[in-house]
């Protein structure tokens, strides 16, 4: 976990340094594109992990208590929809950062 934090921090510094020392608009747009791609990649990856954990928990719950499958499935679908909306919000924020800011 500590290695991942160090790696992501180093990667963020490298991407930010490019735009901080940029002389023209082309490199700034390129840095913004890299930053938004990285942000969306992280958001999509974490949402995928969360959805996988949710489905795993639902499968475990249904396996332990088959009578509650209807309620578990309903809660699972609702939870997956909320997690997917987080990925869509991340996409909207990244597009705003890319084209407006």
C-alpha atoms as a PDB file:
ATOM      1  CA  UNK A   1       0.000   0.000   0.000  1.00  0.00           C
ATOM      2  CA  UNK A   2       2.818   2.379   0.861  1.00  0.00           C
ATOM      3  CA  UNK A   3       4.548   1.616  -2.446  1.00  0.00           C
ATOM      4  CA  UNK A   4       1.339   2.445  -4.354  1.00  0.00           C
ATOM      5  CA  UNK A   5       1.061   5.821  -2.607  1.00  0.00           C
ATOM      6  CA  UNK A   6       4.666   6.656  -3.432  1.00  0.00           C
ATOM      7  CA  UNK A   7       4.198   5.593  -7.050  1.00  0.00           C
ATOM      8  CA  UNK A   8       1.004   7.633  -7.516  1.00  0.00           C
ATOM      9  CA  UNK A   9       2.544  10.679  -5.828  1.00  0.00           C
ATOM     10  CA  UNK A  10       5.601  10.494  -8.060  1.00  0.00           C
ATOM     11  CA  UNK A  11       3.423  10.116 -11.151  1.00  0.00           C
ATOM     12  CA  UNK A  12       1.309  13.109 -10.119  1.00  0.00           C
ATOM     13  CA  UNK A  13       4.411  15.251  -9.605  1.00  0.00           C
ATOM     14  CA  UNK A  14       5.748  14.333 -13.025  1.00  0.00           C
ATOM     15  CA  UNK A  15       2.450  15.239 -14.693  1.00  0.00           C
ATOM     16  CA  UNK A  16       2.083  18.509 -12.788  1.00  0.00           C
ATOM     17  CA  UNK A  17       5.680  19.555 -13.451  1.00  0.00           C
ATOM     18  CA  UNK A  18       5.034  19.401 -17.184  1.00  0.00           C
ATOM     19  CA  UNK A  19       2.245  21.964 -16.983  1.00  0.00           C
ATOM     20  CA  UNK A  20       3.991  24.092 -14.354  1.00  0.00           C
ATOM     21  CA  UNK A  21       7.040  24.680 -16.539  1.00  0.00           C
ATOM     22  CA  UNK A  22       5.135  24.801 -19.822  1.00  0.00           C
ATOM     23  CA  UNK A  23       5.924  27.640 -22.178  1.00  0.00           C
ATOM     24  CA  UNK A  24       3.009  27.180 -24.567  1.00  0.00           C
ATOM     25  CA  UNK A  25      -0.618  26.161 -24.665  1.00  0.00           C
ATOM     26  CA  UNK A  26       0.014  22.901 -26.509  1.00  0.00           C
ATOM     27  CA  UNK A  27       1.910  21.301 -23.663  1.00  0.00           C
ATOM     28  CA  UNK A  28      -0.634  22.589 -21.145  1.00  0.00           C
ATOM     29  CA  UNK A  29      -3.460  20.954 -23.098  1.00  0.00           C
ATOM     30  CA  UNK A  30      -1.429  17.772 -23.285  1.00  0.00           C
ATOM     31  CA  UNK A  31      -0.902  17.806 -19.509  1.00  0.00           C
ATOM     32  CA  UNK A  32      -4.617  18.404 -18.974  1.00  0.00           C
ATOM     33  CA  UNK A  33      -5.405  15.456 -21.215  1.00  0.00           C
ATOM     34  CA  UNK A  34      -3.007  13.220 -19.272  1.00  0.00           C
ATOM     35  CA  UNK A  35      -4.424  14.401 -15.948  1.00  0.00           C
ATOM     36  CA  UNK A  36      -8.038  13.823 -16.958  1.00  0.00           C
ATOM     37  CA  UNK A  37      -7.187  10.412 -18.412  1.00  0.00           C
ATOM     38  CA  UNK A  38      -5.413   9.462 -15.199  1.00  0.00           C
ATOM     39  CA  UNK A  39      -8.310  10.748 -13.093  1.00  0.00           C
ATOM     40  CA  UNK A  40     -10.901   8.828 -15.102  1.00  0.00           C
ATOM     41  CA  UNK A  41      -8.757   5.707 -15.055  1.00  0.00           C
ATOM     42  CA  UNK A  42      -8.480   5.830 -11.285  1.00  0.00           C
ATOM     43  CA  UNK A  43     -12.206   6.526 -10.868  1.00  0.00           C
ATOM     44  CA  UNK A  44     -13.221   3.714 -13.235  1.00  0.00           C
ATOM     45  CA  UNK A  45     -10.813   1.274 -11.617  1.00  0.00           C
ATOM     46  CA  UNK A  46     -12.006   2.004  -8.107  1.00  0.00           C
ATOM     47  CA  UNK A  47     -15.660   1.825  -9.158  1.00  0.00           C
ATOM     48  CA  UNK A  48     -14.952  -1.539 -10.782  1.00  0.00           C
ATOM     49  CA  UNK A  49     -13.350  -2.808  -7.593  1.00  0.00           C
ATOM     50  CA  UNK A  50     -16.319  -1.559  -5.556  1.00  0.00           C
ATOM     51  CA  UNK A  51     -18.791  -3.259  -7.890  1.00  0.00           C
ATOM     52  CA  UNK A  52     -16.855  -6.511  -7.691  1.00  0.00           C
ATOM     53  CA  UNK A  53     -16.865  -6.366  -3.898  1.00  0.00           C
ATOM     54  CA  UNK A  54     -20.596  -5.682  -3.912  1.00  0.00           C
ATOM     55  CA  UNK A  55     -21.366  -8.615  -6.180  1.00  0.00           C
ATOM     56  CA  UNK A  56     -19.105 -10.862  -4.079  1.00  0.00           C
ATOM     57  CA  UNK A  57     -20.961  -9.855  -0.934  1.00  0.00           C
ATOM     58  CA  UNK A  58     -24.327 -10.438  -2.579  1.00  0.00           C
ATOM     59  CA  UNK A  59     -23.275 -13.888  -3.812  1.00  0.00           C
ATOM     60  CA  UNK A  60     -22.030 -14.778  -0.335  1.00  0.00           C
ATOM     61  CA  UNK A  61     -25.269 -13.548   1.216  1.00  0.00           C
ATOM     62  CA  UNK A  62     -27.448 -15.490  -1.211  1.00  0.00           C
ATOM     63  CA  UNK A  63     -25.347 -18.621  -0.697  1.00  0.00           C
ATOM     64  CA  UNK A  64     -25.755 -18.381   3.075  1.00  0.00           C
ATOM     65  CA  UNK A  65     -29.441 -17.465   3.035  1.00  0.00           C
ATOM     66  CA  UNK A  66     -31.217 -18.393  -0.228  1.00  0.00           C
ATOM     67  CA  UNK A  67     -34.594 -17.224   1.094  1.00  0.00           C
ATOM     68  CA  UNK A  68     -33.344 -13.625   1.147  1.00  0.00           C
ATOM     69  CA  UNK A  69     -32.227 -13.676  -2.505  1.00  0.00           C
ATOM     70  CA  UNK A  70     -34.956 -11.240  -3.609  1.00  0.00           C
ATOM     71  CA  UNK A  71     -34.081  -8.577  -1.054  1.00  0.00           C
ATOM     72  CA  UNK A  72     -30.342  -9.034  -1.568  1.00  0.00           C
ATOM     73  CA  UNK A  73     -30.706  -8.755  -5.346  1.00  0.00           C
ATOM     74  CA  UNK A  74     -32.775  -5.581  -5.056  1.00  0.00           C
ATOM     75  CA  UNK A  75     -30.247  -3.996  -2.724  1.00  0.00           C
ATOM     76  CA  UNK A  76     -27.408  -5.131  -4.993  1.00  0.00           C
ATOM     77  CA  UNK A  77     -28.950  -3.540  -8.093  1.00  0.00           C
ATOM     78  CA  UNK A  78     -29.532  -0.282  -6.223  1.00  0.00           C
ATOM     79  CA  UNK A  79     -25.972  -0.266  -4.858  1.00  0.00           C
ATOM     80  CA  UNK A  80     -24.470  -0.991  -8.277  1.00  0.00           C
ATOM     81  CA  UNK A  81     -26.461   1.887  -9.759  1.00  0.00           C
ATOM     82  CA  UNK A  82     -25.098   4.269  -7.120  1.00  0.00           C
ATOM     83  CA  UNK A  83     -21.534   3.082  -7.709  1.00  0.00           C
ATOM     84  CA  UNK A  84     -21.946   3.489 -11.475  1.00  0.00           C
ATOM     85  CA  UNK A  85     -23.267   7.023 -10.956  1.00  0.00           C
ATOM     86  CA  UNK A  86     -19.994   7.856  -9.183  1.00  0.00           C
ATOM     87  CA  UNK A  87     -18.093   6.851 -12.333  1.00  0.00           C
ATOM     88  CA  UNK A  88     -20.393   9.036 -14.437  1.00  0.00           C
ATOM     89  CA  UNK A  89     -19.860  11.985 -12.065  1.00  0.00           C
ATOM     90  CA  UNK A  90     -16.108  11.479 -12.349  1.00  0.00           C
ATOM     91  CA  UNK A  91     -16.427  11.523 -16.145  1.00  0.00           C
ATOM     92  CA  UNK A  92     -18.396  14.779 -16.061  1.00  0.00           C
ATOM     93  CA  UNK A  93     -15.882  16.418 -13.712  1.00  0.00           C
ATOM     94  CA  UNK A  94     -12.980  15.276 -15.876  1.00  0.00           C
ATOM     95  CA  UNK A  95     -14.625  16.594 -19.034  1.00  0.00           C
ATOM     96  CA  UNK A  96     -15.259  19.936 -17.340  1.00  0.00           C
ATOM     97  CA  UNK A  97     -11.619  20.100 -16.272  1.00  0.00           C
ATOM     98  CA  UNK A  98     -10.470  19.188 -19.770  1.00  0.00           C
ATOM     99  CA  UNK A  99     -12.578  21.592 -21.821  1.00  0.00           C
ATOM    100  CA  UNK A 100     -13.660  24.446 -19.523  1.00  0.00           C
ATOM    101  CA  UNK A 101     -10.828  25.138 -17.123  1.00  0.00           C
END
